[in-house]
Amino acid sequence: MCLILDTSFNIVAQNDAHASATLTTRANTIGRWLFEVFPDNPNDSNADGISHVRASLLKVLKTCTPDTVPAVKYDIARPMSEGGGYEVRYWRIVNTPIIGTDGFVQWIINTADDITELVLLREKFQPPATPTQRPSR
């Protein structure tokens, strides 16, 4: 899945895989600000996907090097035609700069892997936390 962003984080291109996975269309994404198209889930008080992705993008602009967000919960809004609301999603995101002849970032390639099944399986089979025991004296 891939987006191409300008340095203000506006979407300039979106591939078919990204549109399909995020339940969007190019007509509804191209030219719009990334965080307007993909906001945090307003029904989740712990939603912080935007802050992680924004920090990664800002790091790319500052360092002119790629940055990875290894796992972030960033729910996807369902279209009203599909009942609205949000679908829980977890993503591994890589932001890669395209450097212009002036040495500055011109665009950012934002790729994402949907790791939702992996995260949910890990949560399902992770043993419960045990309380820390004090050492005997």
N, C-alpha and C. Protein backbone atom coordinates (compact mmCIF):
# COMPACT_ATOMS: atom_id res chain seq x y z
N MET A 1 0.86 -1.17 0.00
CA MET A 1 0.00 0.00 0.00
C MET A 1 0.89 1.22 0.00
N CYS A 2 0.54 2.20 -0.80
CA CYS A 2 1.44 3.33 -0.96
C CYS A 2 0.69 4.64 -1.21
N LEU A 3 1.19 5.68 -0.54
CA LEU A 3 0.78 7.05 -0.80
C LEU A 3 2.04 7.84 -1.14
N ILE A 4 1.89 8.88 -1.91
CA ILE A 4 2.95 9.85 -2.08
C ILE A 4 2.43 11.16 -1.53
N LEU A 5 3.24 11.77 -0.63
CA LEU A 5 2.85 13.00 0.05
C LEU A 5 3.79 14.13 -0.35
N ASP A 6 3.26 15.36 -0.34
CA ASP A 6 4.15 16.50 -0.48
C ASP A 6 4.68 16.85 0.91
N THR A 7 5.48 17.87 1.01
CA THR A 7 6.11 18.20 2.29
C THR A 7 5.16 18.84 3.29
N SER A 8 3.94 19.14 2.86
CA SER A 8 2.90 19.61 3.79
C SER A 8 1.97 18.47 4.20
N PHE A 9 2.30 17.26 3.74
CA PHE A 9 1.56 16.04 4.03
C PHE A 9 0.22 15.98 3.31
N ASN A 10 0.15 16.61 2.14
CA ASN A 10 -1.00 16.46 1.26
C ASN A 10 -0.77 15.24 0.38
N ILE A 11 -1.81 14.50 0.10
CA ILE A 11 -1.71 13.29 -0.70
C ILE A 11 -1.66 13.67 -2.18
N VAL A 12 -0.59 13.25 -2.87
CA VAL A 12 -0.48 13.54 -4.31
C VAL A 12 -0.69 12.30 -5.16
N ALA A 13 -0.58 11.12 -4.57
CA ALA A 13 -0.84 9.88 -5.30
C ALA A 13 -1.21 8.78 -4.31
N GLN A 14 -2.01 7.83 -4.79
CA GLN A 14 -2.44 6.69 -3.97
C GLN A 14 -2.55 5.49 -4.89
N ASN A 15 -1.96 4.35 -4.48
CA ASN A 15 -2.12 3.17 -5.34
C ASN A 15 -3.41 2.42 -5.01
N ASP A 16 -3.78 1.49 -5.89
CA ASP A 16 -5.03 0.74 -5.72
C ASP A 16 -5.07 -0.05 -4.41
N ALA A 17 -3.94 -0.65 -4.04
CA ALA A 17 -3.91 -1.45 -2.82
C ALA A 17 -4.22 -0.60 -1.59
N HIS A 18 -3.67 0.62 -1.57
CA HIS A 18 -3.93 1.52 -0.43
C HIS A 18 -5.40 1.93 -0.40
N ALA A 19 -5.94 2.29 -1.54
CA ALA A 19 -7.35 2.70 -1.61
C ALA A 19 -8.26 1.56 -1.14
N SER A 20 -7.97 0.36 -1.58
CA SER A 20 -8.79 -0.79 -1.19
C SER A 20 -8.70 -1.07 0.31
N ALA A 21 -7.49 -1.07 0.84
CA ALA A 21 -7.30 -1.39 2.26
C ALA A 21 -7.87 -0.33 3.18
N THR A 22 -7.90 0.92 2.74
CA THR A 22 -8.37 2.01 3.59
C THR A 22 -9.80 2.43 3.28
N LEU A 23 -10.45 1.68 2.40
CA LEU A 23 -11.85 1.92 2.04
C LEU A 23 -12.06 3.34 1.50
N THR A 24 -11.10 3.81 0.72
CA THR A 24 -11.17 5.15 0.14
C THR A 24 -11.07 5.06 -1.38
N THR A 25 -11.18 6.21 -2.03
CA THR A 25 -10.97 6.31 -3.47
C THR A 25 -10.01 7.46 -3.73
N ARG A 26 -9.34 7.40 -4.88
CA ARG A 26 -8.45 8.51 -5.22
C ARG A 26 -9.21 9.83 -5.29
N ALA A 27 -10.43 9.78 -5.78
CA ALA A 27 -11.23 11.01 -5.90
C ALA A 27 -11.44 11.67 -4.54
N ASN A 28 -11.44 10.88 -3.48
CA ASN A 28 -11.66 11.41 -2.14
C ASN A 28 -10.38 11.65 -1.35
N THR A 29 -9.21 11.33 -1.94
CA THR A 29 -7.97 11.50 -1.19
C THR A 29 -6.97 12.45 -1.85
N ILE A 30 -6.84 12.39 -3.16
CA ILE A 30 -5.81 13.17 -3.85
C ILE A 30 -6.03 14.67 -3.61
N GLY A 31 -4.96 15.34 -3.23
CA GLY A 31 -5.01 16.78 -2.98
C GLY A 31 -5.43 17.17 -1.57
N ARG A 32 -5.78 16.19 -0.76
CA ARG A 32 -6.23 16.48 0.60
C ARG A 32 -5.12 16.17 1.60
N TRP A 33 -5.20 16.81 2.77
CA TRP A 33 -4.23 16.63 3.85
C TRP A 33 -4.39 15.23 4.44
N LEU A 34 -3.29 14.53 4.62
CA LEU A 34 -3.29 13.15 5.10
C LEU A 34 -4.15 12.96 6.34
N PHE A 35 -4.01 13.86 7.31
CA PHE A 35 -4.70 13.67 8.59
C PHE A 35 -6.16 14.10 8.55
N GLU A 36 -6.57 14.77 7.49
CA GLU A 36 -7.99 15.04 7.27
C GLU A 36 -8.65 13.79 6.70
N VAL A 37 -7.96 13.13 5.79
CA VAL A 37 -8.51 11.91 5.16
C VAL A 37 -8.49 10.75 6.14
N PHE A 38 -7.42 10.66 6.94
CA PHE A 38 -7.25 9.55 7.88
C PHE A 38 -7.11 10.08 9.31
N PRO A 39 -8.22 10.53 9.91
CA PRO A 39 -8.16 11.05 11.28
C PRO A 39 -8.10 9.90 12.28
N ASP A 40 -7.72 10.23 13.51
CA ASP A 40 -7.83 9.25 14.58
C ASP A 40 -9.31 8.96 14.82
N ASN A 41 -9.60 7.78 15.33
CA ASN A 41 -10.96 7.38 15.66
C ASN A 41 -11.46 8.25 16.82
N PRO A 42 -12.48 9.09 16.59
CA PRO A 42 -12.95 9.97 17.66
C PRO A 42 -13.64 9.21 18.80
N ASN A 43 -13.99 7.94 18.57
CA ASN A 43 -14.64 7.14 19.60
C ASN A 43 -13.64 6.41 20.48
N ASP A 44 -12.35 6.55 20.19
CA ASP A 44 -11.31 5.88 20.96
C ASP A 44 -10.46 6.94 21.66
N SER A 45 -10.66 7.07 22.96
CA SER A 45 -9.94 8.11 23.71
C SER A 45 -8.43 7.87 23.77
N ASN A 46 -8.00 6.65 23.44
CA ASN A 46 -6.57 6.34 23.43
C ASN A 46 -5.95 6.42 22.04
N ALA A 47 -6.73 6.81 21.05
CA ALA A 47 -6.22 6.87 19.67
C ALA A 47 -5.08 7.87 19.58
N ASP A 48 -3.96 7.38 19.06
CA ASP A 48 -2.80 8.26 18.91
C ASP A 48 -2.04 7.99 17.61
N GLY A 49 -2.72 7.39 16.65
CA GLY A 49 -2.08 7.09 15.37
C GLY A 49 -1.52 8.32 14.68
N ILE A 50 -2.30 9.40 14.70
CA ILE A 50 -1.84 10.63 14.04
C ILE A 50 -0.53 11.10 14.65
N SER A 51 -0.41 11.09 15.96
CA SER A 51 0.81 11.61 16.58
C SER A 51 2.03 10.78 16.19
N HIS A 52 1.88 9.47 16.10
CA HIS A 52 3.01 8.61 15.71
C HIS A 52 3.41 8.85 14.25
N VAL A 53 2.41 8.90 13.38
CA VAL A 53 2.69 9.09 11.95
C VAL A 53 3.26 10.49 11.71
N ARG A 54 2.68 11.50 12.35
CA ARG A 54 3.20 12.87 12.19
C ARG A 54 4.65 12.97 12.67
N ALA A 55 4.96 12.36 13.81
CA ALA A 55 6.34 12.39 14.32
C ALA A 55 7.29 11.74 13.32
N SER A 56 6.89 10.65 12.72
CA SER A 56 7.71 9.98 11.73
C SER A 56 7.93 10.87 10.50
N LEU A 57 6.86 11.48 10.01
CA LEU A 57 6.97 12.36 8.84
C LEU A 57 7.86 13.57 9.12
N LEU A 58 7.71 14.14 10.29
CA LEU A 58 8.55 15.29 10.66
C LEU A 58 10.02 14.88 10.76
N LYS A 59 10.27 13.68 11.27
CA LYS A 59 11.64 13.18 11.34
C LYS A 59 12.23 13.02 9.94
N VAL A 60 11.44 12.50 9.01
CA VAL A 60 11.89 12.35 7.63
C VAL A 60 12.26 13.71 7.04
N LEU A 61 11.41 14.72 7.27
CA LEU A 61 11.71 16.06 6.75
C LEU A 61 12.99 16.62 7.36
N LYS A 62 13.20 16.37 8.64
CA LYS A 62 14.37 16.92 9.34
C LYS A 62 15.67 16.21 8.96
N THR A 63 15.61 14.89 8.85
CA THR A 63 16.84 14.11 8.66
C THR A 63 17.10 13.70 7.21
N CYS A 64 16.08 13.83 6.36
CA CYS A 64 16.18 13.38 4.95
C CYS A 64 16.51 11.89 4.85
N THR A 65 16.08 11.13 5.87
CA THR A 65 16.28 9.68 5.86
C THR A 65 14.95 8.98 6.14
N PRO A 66 14.82 7.72 5.73
CA PRO A 66 13.58 6.98 5.99
C PRO A 66 13.33 6.78 7.48
N ASP A 67 12.07 6.61 7.83
CA ASP A 67 11.70 6.33 9.22
C ASP A 67 10.57 5.31 9.22
N THR A 68 10.60 4.44 10.22
CA THR A 68 9.59 3.37 10.34
C THR A 68 8.80 3.52 11.63
N VAL A 69 7.50 3.35 11.51
CA VAL A 69 6.62 3.22 12.67
C VAL A 69 6.26 1.74 12.71
N PRO A 70 6.89 0.96 13.62
CA PRO A 70 6.78 -0.50 13.56
C PRO A 70 5.37 -1.05 13.76
N ALA A 71 4.58 -0.45 14.62
CA ALA A 71 3.21 -0.91 14.84
C ALA A 71 2.42 0.23 15.45
N VAL A 72 1.37 0.64 14.74
CA VAL A 72 0.54 1.72 15.24
C VAL A 72 -0.92 1.37 15.00
N LYS A 73 -1.75 1.61 16.02
CA LYS A 73 -3.20 1.42 15.87
C LYS A 73 -3.75 2.67 15.21
N TYR A 74 -4.33 2.49 14.05
CA TYR A 74 -4.84 3.62 13.28
C TYR A 74 -6.08 3.12 12.57
N ASP A 75 -7.24 3.28 13.22
CA ASP A 75 -8.49 2.74 12.70
C ASP A 75 -8.90 3.41 11.39
N ILE A 76 -9.65 2.67 10.59
CA ILE A 76 -10.10 3.15 9.29
C ILE A 76 -11.60 3.43 9.34
N ALA A 77 -11.98 4.61 8.86
CA ALA A 77 -13.39 4.98 8.81
C ALA A 77 -14.09 4.19 7.71
N ARG A 78 -15.21 3.56 8.06
CA ARG A 78 -16.02 2.87 7.06
C ARG A 78 -16.94 3.89 6.40
N PRO A 79 -17.13 3.76 5.09
CA PRO A 79 -18.08 4.65 4.40
C PRO A 79 -19.49 4.47 4.98
N MET A 80 -20.29 5.52 4.91
CA MET A 80 -21.67 5.43 5.41
C MET A 80 -22.45 4.34 4.68
N SER A 81 -22.11 4.09 3.42
CA SER A 81 -22.78 3.03 2.66
C SER A 81 -22.50 1.65 3.25
N GLU A 82 -21.47 1.54 4.09
CA GLU A 82 -21.13 0.27 4.74
C GLU A 82 -21.41 0.34 6.24
N GLY A 83 -22.24 1.29 6.66
CA GLY A 83 -22.66 1.38 8.05
C GLY A 83 -21.91 2.39 8.89
N GLY A 84 -20.90 3.06 8.32
CA GLY A 84 -20.14 4.06 9.07
C GLY A 84 -19.32 3.43 10.18
N GLY A 85 -18.88 4.25 11.09
CA GLY A 85 -18.05 3.78 12.20
C GLY A 85 -16.62 3.56 11.76
N TYR A 86 -15.88 2.84 12.59
CA TYR A 86 -14.46 2.59 12.35
C TYR A 86 -14.13 1.11 12.46
N GLU A 87 -13.17 0.67 11.66
CA GLU A 87 -12.63 -0.68 11.75
C GLU A 87 -11.27 -0.60 12.41
N VAL A 88 -11.03 -1.46 13.39
CA VAL A 88 -9.74 -1.48 14.06
C VAL A 88 -8.68 -1.99 13.09
N ARG A 89 -7.60 -1.25 13.00
CA ARG A 89 -6.49 -1.63 12.13
C ARG A 89 -5.17 -1.31 12.82
N TYR A 90 -4.18 -2.15 12.57
CA TYR A 90 -2.82 -1.91 13.01
C TYR A 90 -1.94 -1.91 11.77
N TRP A 91 -1.01 -0.96 11.72
CA TRP A 91 -0.18 -0.76 10.53
C TRP A 91 1.30 -0.71 10.90
N ARG A 92 2.13 -1.16 9.98
CA ARG A 92 3.57 -0.91 10.02
C ARG A 92 3.79 0.08 8.88
N ILE A 93 4.29 1.25 9.21
CA ILE A 93 4.41 2.33 8.25
C ILE A 93 5.88 2.70 8.04
N VAL A 94 6.25 2.87 6.78
CA VAL A 94 7.59 3.33 6.44
C VAL A 94 7.44 4.61 5.62
N ASN A 95 8.09 5.66 6.07
CA ASN A 95 8.10 6.94 5.35
C ASN A 95 9.49 7.14 4.76
N THR A 96 9.54 7.27 3.43
CA THR A 96 10.82 7.38 2.72
C THR A 96 10.86 8.68 1.94
N PRO A 97 11.90 9.48 2.15
CA PRO A 97 11.98 10.76 1.43
C PRO A 97 12.47 10.60 0.00
N ILE A 98 11.96 11.45 -0.87
CA ILE A 98 12.51 11.62 -2.21
C ILE A 98 13.19 12.98 -2.18
N ILE A 99 14.50 12.96 -2.37
CA ILE A 99 15.31 14.18 -2.24
C ILE A 99 15.46 14.84 -3.61
N GLY A 100 15.23 16.15 -3.65
CA GLY A 100 15.37 16.92 -4.88
C GLY A 100 16.82 17.29 -5.14
N THR A 101 17.07 17.91 -6.27
CA THR A 101 18.43 18.32 -6.62
C THR A 101 18.97 19.38 -5.67
N ASP A 102 18.06 20.04 -4.93
CA ASP A 102 18.50 21.04 -3.95
C ASP A 102 18.91 20.43 -2.61
N GLY A 103 18.78 19.09 -2.49
CA GLY A 103 19.18 18.41 -1.27
C GLY A 103 18.09 18.32 -0.22
N PHE A 104 16.91 18.86 -0.53
CA PHE A 104 15.80 18.83 0.42
C PHE A 104 14.74 17.82 -0.02
N VAL A 105 13.93 17.41 0.94
CA VAL A 105 12.84 16.48 0.65
C VAL A 105 11.83 17.17 -0.27
N GLN A 106 11.48 16.48 -1.35
CA GLN A 106 10.47 16.98 -2.29
C GLN A 106 9.14 16.27 -2.08
N TRP A 107 9.22 14.96 -1.83
CA TRP A 107 8.04 14.14 -1.59
C TRP A 107 8.40 13.08 -0.57
N ILE A 108 7.37 12.47 -0.02
CA ILE A 108 7.56 11.36 0.90
C ILE A 108 6.71 10.19 0.40
N ILE A 109 7.37 9.04 0.27
CA ILE A 109 6.62 7.81 -0.06
C ILE A 109 6.23 7.18 1.27
N ASN A 110 4.93 7.03 1.47
CA ASN A 110 4.37 6.48 2.70
C ASN A 110 3.84 5.09 2.35
N THR A 111 4.52 4.05 2.83
CA THR A 111 4.04 2.70 2.58
C THR A 111 3.51 2.12 3.89
N ALA A 112 2.54 1.26 3.76
CA ALA A 112 1.92 0.67 4.96
C ALA A 112 1.65 -0.81 4.72
N ASP A 113 1.91 -1.59 5.75
CA ASP A 113 1.54 -3.00 5.77
C ASP A 113 0.49 -3.17 6.85
N ASP A 114 -0.62 -3.80 6.50
CA ASP A 114 -1.67 -4.06 7.47
C ASP A 114 -1.24 -5.26 8.31
N ILE A 115 -0.94 -5.02 9.57
CA ILE A 115 -0.49 -6.09 10.47
C ILE A 115 -1.55 -6.41 11.52
N THR A 116 -2.80 -6.08 11.22
CA THR A 116 -3.89 -6.26 12.17
C THR A 116 -4.00 -7.70 12.65
N GLU A 117 -4.01 -8.67 11.72
CA GLU A 117 -4.15 -10.07 12.12
C GLU A 117 -3.02 -10.51 13.04
N LEU A 118 -1.82 -10.11 12.73
CA LEU A 118 -0.66 -10.47 13.55
C LEU A 118 -0.80 -9.92 14.97
N VAL A 119 -1.17 -8.64 15.08
CA VAL A 119 -1.31 -8.02 16.39
C VAL A 119 -2.42 -8.68 17.19
N LEU A 120 -3.56 -8.94 16.55
CA LEU A 120 -4.68 -9.55 17.26
C LEU A 120 -4.36 -10.98 17.69
N LEU A 121 -3.64 -11.73 16.85
CA LEU A 121 -3.23 -13.08 17.24
C LEU A 121 -2.25 -13.04 18.41
N ARG A 122 -1.31 -12.12 18.37
CA ARG A 122 -0.35 -11.99 19.46
C ARG A 122 -1.07 -11.66 20.76
N GLU A 123 -2.06 -10.75 20.71
CA GLU A 123 -2.82 -10.40 21.91
C GLU A 123 -3.62 -11.60 22.43
N LYS A 124 -4.15 -12.38 21.49
CA LYS A 124 -4.98 -13.53 21.87
C LYS A 124 -4.16 -14.60 22.59
N PHE A 125 -2.94 -14.82 22.12
CA PHE A 125 -2.13 -15.91 22.65
C PHE A 125 -1.05 -15.47 23.63
N GLN A 126 -1.00 -14.19 23.92
CA GLN A 126 -0.01 -13.70 24.88
C GLN A 126 -0.46 -14.10 26.29
N PRO A 127 0.43 -14.70 27.07
CA PRO A 127 0.01 -15.09 28.42
C PRO A 127 -0.29 -13.85 29.26
N PRO A 128 -1.22 -13.99 30.21
CA PRO A 128 -1.54 -12.83 31.05
C PRO A 128 -0.34 -12.42 31.89
N ALA A 129 -0.26 -11.15 32.16
CA ALA A 129 0.84 -10.62 32.98
C ALA A 129 0.71 -11.14 34.39
N THR A 130 1.82 -11.49 34.97
CA THR A 130 1.81 -11.95 36.36
C THR A 130 2.38 -10.85 37.24
N PRO A 131 1.86 -10.73 38.45
CA PRO A 131 2.38 -9.69 39.33
C PRO A 131 3.84 -9.96 39.67
N THR A 132 4.58 -8.90 39.82
CA THR A 132 5.99 -9.03 40.20
C THR A 132 6.08 -9.49 41.64
N GLN A 133 6.88 -10.51 41.87
CA GLN A 133 7.04 -11.03 43.23
C GLN A 133 8.29 -10.42 43.85
N ARG A 134 8.18 -10.12 45.14
CA ARG A 134 9.34 -9.61 45.87
C ARG A 134 10.29 -10.78 46.18
N PRO A 135 11.58 -10.50 46.12
CA PRO A 135 12.53 -11.57 46.49
C PRO A 135 12.40 -11.91 47.97
N SER A 136 12.63 -13.16 48.28
CA SER A 136 12.60 -13.61 49.68
C SER A 136 13.79 -13.04 50.43
N ARG A 137 13.61 -12.82 51.71
CA ARG A 137 14.71 -12.31 52.53
C ARG A 137 15.26 -13.38 53.38
